[in-house]
N, C-alpha and C. Protein backbone atom coordinates (compact mmCIF):
# COMPACT_ATOMS: atom_id res chain seq x y z
N UNK A 1 0.83 -1.17 0.00
CA UNK A 1 0.00 0.00 0.00
C UNK A 1 0.88 1.24 0.00
N UNK A 2 0.52 2.20 -0.85
CA UNK A 2 1.28 3.44 -0.96
C UNK A 2 0.34 4.61 -0.70
N UNK A 3 0.58 5.42 0.36
CA UNK A 3 -0.28 6.58 0.59
C UNK A 3 -0.02 7.67 -0.44
N UNK A 4 -1.10 8.34 -0.86
CA UNK A 4 -0.97 9.43 -1.83
C UNK A 4 -1.66 10.65 -1.26
N UNK A 5 -0.95 11.77 -1.29
CA UNK A 5 -1.53 13.03 -0.83
C UNK A 5 -1.90 13.90 -2.01
N UNK A 6 -1.56 15.17 -1.90
CA UNK A 6 -1.94 16.14 -2.92
C UNK A 6 -1.16 16.04 -4.21
N UNK A 7 0.05 15.51 -4.18
CA UNK A 7 0.92 15.42 -5.37
C UNK A 7 0.97 16.76 -6.09
N UNK A 8 1.25 17.82 -5.31
CA UNK A 8 1.22 19.18 -5.83
C UNK A 8 2.11 19.40 -7.04
N UNK A 9 3.27 18.82 -7.05
CA UNK A 9 4.22 19.10 -8.12
C UNK A 9 4.34 17.98 -9.13
N UNK A 10 3.40 17.03 -9.11
CA UNK A 10 3.41 15.94 -10.06
C UNK A 10 4.63 15.06 -9.94
N UNK A 11 5.10 14.86 -8.71
CA UNK A 11 6.33 14.11 -8.51
C UNK A 11 6.16 12.63 -8.80
N UNK A 12 4.94 12.16 -8.83
CA UNK A 12 4.65 10.75 -9.09
C UNK A 12 5.32 9.83 -8.08
N UNK A 13 5.59 10.35 -6.88
CA UNK A 13 6.23 9.55 -5.84
C UNK A 13 5.32 8.46 -5.31
N UNK A 14 4.04 8.52 -5.63
CA UNK A 14 3.09 7.55 -5.09
C UNK A 14 2.85 6.37 -6.02
N UNK A 15 3.53 6.30 -7.14
CA UNK A 15 3.29 5.22 -8.10
C UNK A 15 3.93 3.92 -7.59
N UNK A 16 3.14 2.89 -7.33
CA UNK A 16 3.71 1.62 -6.88
C UNK A 16 4.27 0.85 -8.08
N UNK A 17 5.49 1.14 -8.46
CA UNK A 17 6.07 0.60 -9.69
C UNK A 17 6.23 -0.92 -9.67
N UNK A 18 6.16 -1.54 -8.51
CA UNK A 18 6.23 -3.00 -8.43
C UNK A 18 4.86 -3.61 -8.16
N UNK A 19 3.81 -2.81 -8.37
CA UNK A 19 2.46 -3.27 -8.09
C UNK A 19 2.04 -2.89 -6.69
N UNK A 20 0.77 -2.87 -6.45
CA UNK A 20 0.27 -2.52 -5.13
C UNK A 20 -0.97 -1.66 -5.22
N UNK A 21 -1.30 -1.06 -4.11
CA UNK A 21 -2.51 -0.28 -3.96
C UNK A 21 -2.16 1.13 -3.53
N UNK A 22 -2.73 2.14 -4.21
CA UNK A 22 -2.52 3.54 -3.83
C UNK A 22 -3.72 4.00 -3.01
N UNK A 23 -3.46 4.59 -1.86
CA UNK A 23 -4.51 5.08 -0.98
C UNK A 23 -4.47 6.60 -0.97
N UNK A 24 -5.54 7.24 -1.44
CA UNK A 24 -5.64 8.70 -1.48
C UNK A 24 -6.02 9.21 -0.09
N UNK A 25 -5.19 10.08 0.49
CA UNK A 25 -5.44 10.60 1.84
C UNK A 25 -6.05 12.00 1.85
N UNK A 26 -6.33 12.58 0.70
CA UNK A 26 -6.80 13.97 0.64
C UNK A 26 -8.21 14.16 1.21
N UNK A 27 -8.98 13.11 1.34
CA UNK A 27 -10.32 13.24 1.92
C UNK A 27 -10.32 13.04 3.44
N UNK A 28 -9.17 12.73 4.02
CA UNK A 28 -9.07 12.52 5.47
C UNK A 28 -8.88 13.88 6.14
N UNK A 29 -9.99 14.49 6.54
CA UNK A 29 -9.95 15.87 7.03
C UNK A 29 -10.62 16.03 8.39
N UNK A 30 -10.34 15.12 9.30
CA UNK A 30 -10.85 15.29 10.66
C UNK A 30 -10.20 16.54 11.25
N UNK A 31 -10.85 17.14 12.24
CA UNK A 31 -10.32 18.40 12.78
C UNK A 31 -10.80 18.61 14.20
N UNK A 32 -9.88 18.88 15.10
CA UNK A 32 -10.20 19.19 16.49
C UNK A 32 -9.15 20.14 17.02
N UNK A 33 -9.60 21.23 17.62
CA UNK A 33 -8.69 22.19 18.24
C UNK A 33 -8.72 22.00 19.74
N UNK A 34 -7.57 21.85 20.34
CA UNK A 34 -7.43 21.81 21.80
C UNK A 34 -6.70 23.08 22.19
N UNK A 35 -7.45 24.16 22.27
CA UNK A 35 -6.88 25.50 22.44
C UNK A 35 -6.02 25.61 23.70
N UNK A 36 -6.46 25.02 24.80
CA UNK A 36 -5.70 25.13 26.04
C UNK A 36 -4.34 24.43 25.95
N UNK A 37 -4.22 23.45 25.04
CA UNK A 37 -2.95 22.73 24.84
C UNK A 37 -2.16 23.27 23.66
N UNK A 38 -2.71 24.28 22.96
CA UNK A 38 -2.11 24.77 21.71
C UNK A 38 -1.84 23.61 20.77
N UNK A 39 -2.88 22.80 20.57
CA UNK A 39 -2.74 21.58 19.81
C UNK A 39 -3.92 21.44 18.85
N UNK A 40 -3.64 21.03 17.64
CA UNK A 40 -4.70 20.71 16.69
C UNK A 40 -4.51 19.26 16.27
N UNK A 41 -5.62 18.54 16.24
CA UNK A 41 -5.61 17.15 15.77
C UNK A 41 -6.34 17.17 14.44
N UNK A 42 -5.63 16.83 13.37
CA UNK A 42 -6.26 16.91 12.05
C UNK A 42 -5.78 15.79 11.15
N UNK A 43 -6.56 15.54 10.11
CA UNK A 43 -6.23 14.51 9.13
C UNK A 43 -5.19 15.01 8.14
N UNK A 44 -4.56 14.10 7.41
CA UNK A 44 -3.49 14.45 6.48
C UNK A 44 -3.96 15.19 5.24
N UNK A 45 -5.28 15.25 4.99
CA UNK A 45 -5.78 15.89 3.79
C UNK A 45 -5.92 17.40 3.87
N UNK A 46 -5.72 17.98 5.04
CA UNK A 46 -5.84 19.44 5.18
C UNK A 46 -4.71 20.14 4.43
N UNK A 47 -5.05 21.15 3.66
CA UNK A 47 -4.03 22.00 3.04
C UNK A 47 -3.63 23.08 4.04
N UNK A 48 -2.38 23.49 3.99
CA UNK A 48 -1.83 24.44 4.97
C UNK A 48 -2.67 25.71 5.10
N UNK A 49 -3.04 26.32 3.98
CA UNK A 49 -3.80 27.57 4.03
C UNK A 49 -5.19 27.37 4.62
N UNK A 50 -5.84 26.25 4.28
CA UNK A 50 -7.17 25.95 4.83
C UNK A 50 -7.09 25.71 6.33
N UNK A 51 -6.04 25.03 6.76
CA UNK A 51 -5.83 24.79 8.18
C UNK A 51 -5.67 26.10 8.93
N UNK A 52 -4.86 27.02 8.39
CA UNK A 52 -4.67 28.31 9.05
C UNK A 52 -5.95 29.14 9.10
N UNK A 53 -6.81 29.02 8.09
CA UNK A 53 -8.09 29.73 8.12
C UNK A 53 -8.95 29.22 9.28
N UNK A 54 -8.97 27.91 9.48
CA UNK A 54 -9.74 27.33 10.58
C UNK A 54 -9.13 27.70 11.94
N UNK A 55 -7.81 27.67 12.03
CA UNK A 55 -7.14 27.99 13.29
C UNK A 55 -7.31 29.46 13.67
N UNK A 56 -7.40 30.34 12.67
CA UNK A 56 -7.55 31.77 12.92
C UNK A 56 -8.85 32.05 13.68
N UNK A 57 -9.87 31.22 13.51
CA UNK A 57 -11.14 31.38 14.22
C UNK A 57 -10.94 31.26 15.73
N UNK A 58 -9.90 30.53 16.16
CA UNK A 58 -9.59 30.37 17.57
C UNK A 58 -8.37 31.19 17.99
N UNK A 59 -7.93 32.09 17.12
CA UNK A 59 -6.77 32.93 17.43
C UNK A 59 -5.45 32.19 17.38
N UNK A 60 -5.41 31.08 16.66
CA UNK A 60 -4.19 30.27 16.56
C UNK A 60 -3.62 30.34 15.15
N UNK A 61 -2.38 29.90 15.00
CA UNK A 61 -1.69 29.94 13.71
C UNK A 61 -0.75 28.74 13.62
N UNK A 62 -0.72 28.08 12.46
CA UNK A 62 0.22 26.99 12.21
C UNK A 62 1.45 27.60 11.54
N UNK A 63 2.57 27.57 12.24
CA UNK A 63 3.74 28.33 11.82
C UNK A 63 4.60 27.75 10.72
N UNK A 64 4.53 26.45 10.48
CA UNK A 64 5.35 25.86 9.42
C UNK A 64 4.91 26.48 8.10
N UNK A 65 5.85 27.04 7.36
CA UNK A 65 5.47 27.87 6.22
C UNK A 65 6.28 27.59 4.96
N UNK A 66 6.09 26.42 4.33
CA UNK A 66 6.70 26.25 3.01
C UNK A 66 6.02 27.20 2.03
N UNK A 67 6.69 27.58 1.00
CA UNK A 67 6.16 28.60 0.09
C UNK A 67 4.93 28.15 -0.68
N UNK A 68 4.71 26.86 -0.80
CA UNK A 68 3.53 26.35 -1.50
C UNK A 68 2.40 26.13 -0.50
N UNK A 69 1.37 25.47 -0.90
CA UNK A 69 0.23 25.16 -0.04
C UNK A 69 0.06 23.64 0.06
N UNK A 70 1.02 22.95 0.69
CA UNK A 70 0.97 21.48 0.72
C UNK A 70 -0.04 20.96 1.73
N UNK A 71 -0.29 19.67 1.66
CA UNK A 71 -1.16 19.02 2.64
C UNK A 71 -0.37 18.73 3.92
N UNK A 72 -1.11 18.60 5.01
CA UNK A 72 -0.48 18.29 6.29
C UNK A 72 0.26 16.95 6.21
N UNK A 73 -0.35 15.97 5.55
CA UNK A 73 0.30 14.67 5.39
C UNK A 73 1.60 14.77 4.60
N UNK A 74 1.60 15.58 3.56
CA UNK A 74 2.81 15.79 2.78
C UNK A 74 3.90 16.46 3.58
N UNK A 75 3.50 17.46 4.37
CA UNK A 75 4.49 18.15 5.21
C UNK A 75 5.06 17.21 6.27
N UNK A 76 4.20 16.34 6.82
CA UNK A 76 4.67 15.39 7.83
C UNK A 76 5.63 14.37 7.21
N UNK A 77 5.34 13.93 6.00
CA UNK A 77 6.17 12.88 5.38
C UNK A 77 7.52 13.41 4.91
N UNK A 78 7.62 14.71 4.67
CA UNK A 78 8.88 15.27 4.17
C UNK A 78 9.63 16.11 5.19
N UNK A 79 9.04 16.33 6.36
CA UNK A 79 9.69 17.18 7.35
C UNK A 79 9.76 18.62 6.88
N UNK A 80 8.71 19.09 6.29
CA UNK A 80 8.64 20.38 5.62
C UNK A 80 9.15 21.53 6.48
N UNK A 81 9.70 22.53 5.81
CA UNK A 81 10.16 23.75 6.47
C UNK A 81 9.89 24.92 5.53
N UNK A 82 10.36 26.08 5.88
CA UNK A 82 10.14 27.25 5.04
C UNK A 82 10.81 28.48 5.63
N UNK A 83 10.32 29.64 5.22
CA UNK A 83 10.93 30.90 5.63
C UNK A 83 10.81 31.17 7.13
N UNK A 84 9.82 30.60 7.78
CA UNK A 84 9.61 30.85 9.21
C UNK A 84 10.23 29.76 10.09
N UNK A 85 11.13 28.97 9.55
CA UNK A 85 11.70 27.84 10.29
C UNK A 85 12.42 28.27 11.56
N UNK A 86 13.17 29.36 11.49
CA UNK A 86 13.91 29.81 12.68
C UNK A 86 12.96 30.18 13.82
N UNK A 87 11.79 30.69 13.48
CA UNK A 87 10.83 31.11 14.50
C UNK A 87 9.95 29.97 15.00
N UNK A 88 9.44 29.13 14.08
CA UNK A 88 8.47 28.10 14.44
C UNK A 88 8.99 26.67 14.34
N UNK A 89 10.14 26.45 13.75
CA UNK A 89 10.67 25.10 13.57
C UNK A 89 10.13 24.45 12.31
N UNK A 90 10.59 23.24 12.05
CA UNK A 90 10.12 22.49 10.88
C UNK A 90 8.90 21.66 11.27
N UNK A 91 8.35 20.96 10.32
CA UNK A 91 7.19 20.12 10.60
C UNK A 91 7.54 19.04 11.63
N UNK A 92 8.76 18.53 11.58
CA UNK A 92 9.18 17.49 12.52
C UNK A 92 9.06 17.97 13.97
N UNK A 93 9.44 19.22 14.23
CA UNK A 93 9.33 19.74 15.60
C UNK A 93 7.89 20.05 15.99
N UNK A 94 7.03 20.21 15.03
CA UNK A 94 5.64 20.57 15.31
C UNK A 94 4.70 19.37 15.38
N UNK A 95 5.18 18.18 15.09
CA UNK A 95 4.35 16.98 15.18
C UNK A 95 4.37 16.46 16.62
N UNK A 96 3.21 16.43 17.24
CA UNK A 96 3.16 15.88 18.59
C UNK A 96 3.00 14.36 18.54
N UNK A 97 2.21 13.87 17.59
CA UNK A 97 1.95 12.44 17.48
C UNK A 97 1.36 12.15 16.11
N UNK A 98 1.46 10.90 15.69
CA UNK A 98 0.84 10.44 14.45
C UNK A 98 -0.04 9.24 14.75
N UNK A 99 -1.15 9.14 14.05
CA UNK A 99 -1.95 7.91 14.09
C UNK A 99 -1.60 7.18 12.81
N UNK A 100 -1.07 5.97 12.93
CA UNK A 100 -0.51 5.24 11.81
C UNK A 100 -1.23 3.91 11.63
N UNK A 101 -1.56 3.59 10.38
CA UNK A 101 -2.11 2.28 10.04
C UNK A 101 -0.94 1.40 9.61
N UNK A 102 -0.69 0.34 10.35
CA UNK A 102 0.39 -0.58 10.01
C UNK A 102 -0.06 -1.52 8.89
N UNK A 103 0.88 -2.23 8.31
CA UNK A 103 0.60 -3.11 7.18
C UNK A 103 -0.42 -4.20 7.51
N UNK A 104 -0.47 -4.61 8.78
CA UNK A 104 -1.44 -5.65 9.16
C UNK A 104 -2.81 -5.07 9.54
N UNK A 105 -2.97 -3.74 9.39
CA UNK A 105 -4.24 -3.09 9.69
C UNK A 105 -4.34 -2.52 11.08
N UNK A 106 -3.39 -2.82 11.94
CA UNK A 106 -3.41 -2.29 13.30
C UNK A 106 -3.19 -0.78 13.27
N UNK A 107 -3.96 -0.05 14.10
CA UNK A 107 -3.81 1.40 14.23
C UNK A 107 -3.03 1.70 15.50
N UNK A 108 -2.00 2.54 15.39
CA UNK A 108 -1.23 2.92 16.58
C UNK A 108 -1.09 4.44 16.63
N UNK A 109 -0.96 4.97 17.83
CA UNK A 109 -0.56 6.34 18.05
C UNK A 109 0.92 6.30 18.38
N UNK A 110 1.71 7.16 17.74
CA UNK A 110 3.16 7.07 17.92
C UNK A 110 3.62 7.55 19.29
N UNK A 111 2.85 8.40 19.95
CA UNK A 111 3.11 8.78 21.34
C UNK A 111 1.91 9.55 21.87
N UNK A 112 1.92 9.83 23.15
CA UNK A 112 0.81 10.60 23.71
C UNK A 112 0.86 12.03 23.18
N UNK A 113 -0.28 12.68 23.17
CA UNK A 113 -0.36 14.01 22.58
C UNK A 113 0.05 15.09 23.59
N UNK A 114 1.22 14.93 24.13
CA UNK A 114 1.79 15.96 24.99
C UNK A 114 3.13 16.35 24.42
N UNK A 115 3.56 17.54 24.70
CA UNK A 115 4.80 18.05 24.11
C UNK A 115 6.02 17.31 24.60
N UNK A 116 6.07 16.96 25.88
CA UNK A 116 7.25 16.31 26.43
C UNK A 116 6.87 14.96 27.01
N UNK A 117 7.54 13.93 26.54
CA UNK A 117 7.30 12.59 27.05
C UNK A 117 8.58 11.78 26.85
N UNK A 118 8.96 11.02 27.85
CA UNK A 118 10.19 10.23 27.73
C UNK A 118 9.89 8.74 27.80
N UNK A 119 8.68 8.36 27.49
CA UNK A 119 8.32 6.94 27.55
C UNK A 119 8.35 6.31 26.17
N UNK A 120 8.94 5.17 26.04
CA UNK A 120 8.92 4.41 24.81
C UNK A 120 9.82 4.96 23.71
N UNK A 121 9.73 4.34 22.54
CA UNK A 121 10.53 4.75 21.39
C UNK A 121 9.97 6.01 20.77
N UNK A 122 10.80 6.74 20.05
CA UNK A 122 10.40 7.98 19.38
C UNK A 122 9.84 7.64 18.00
N UNK A 123 8.67 7.03 17.98
CA UNK A 123 8.07 6.55 16.72
C UNK A 123 7.64 7.70 15.82
N UNK A 124 7.27 8.85 16.38
CA UNK A 124 6.84 9.98 15.56
C UNK A 124 7.96 10.40 14.61
N UNK A 125 9.17 10.51 15.11
CA UNK A 125 10.29 10.91 14.26
C UNK A 125 10.69 9.78 13.32
N UNK A 126 10.52 8.56 13.73
CA UNK A 126 10.88 7.42 12.88
C UNK A 126 9.92 7.28 11.69
N UNK A 127 8.62 7.42 11.95
CA UNK A 127 7.63 7.23 10.91
C UNK A 127 7.38 8.51 10.12
N UNK A 128 7.34 9.67 10.81
CA UNK A 128 7.00 10.95 10.18
C UNK A 128 8.03 11.47 9.32
């Protein structure tokens, strides 16, 4: 299985050249703001500009700023950065946790949704 996001630049990185199944993630747009934690839980299909429009309603801003308008899933998979990296960090520093579907269908959370945790392996950085 190969996940496919927005494919903004036609990179064709999602083509399973040895056969397989492509899964489009652009319709995965769950959304929850935890304002007191400065945390947003969202699906990989959100585009950066659309996410910031929703966050602005709560007085929040997503600081990772690549010059294009990529999907959250794409930014997570590439460790996206941009002009505001020195101020807000890259996507890797802004990921609190990932919900991942493993090859056998099991769903896991890579860590608890808190900023600092020293329990278990650092799966967010390994997978993201």
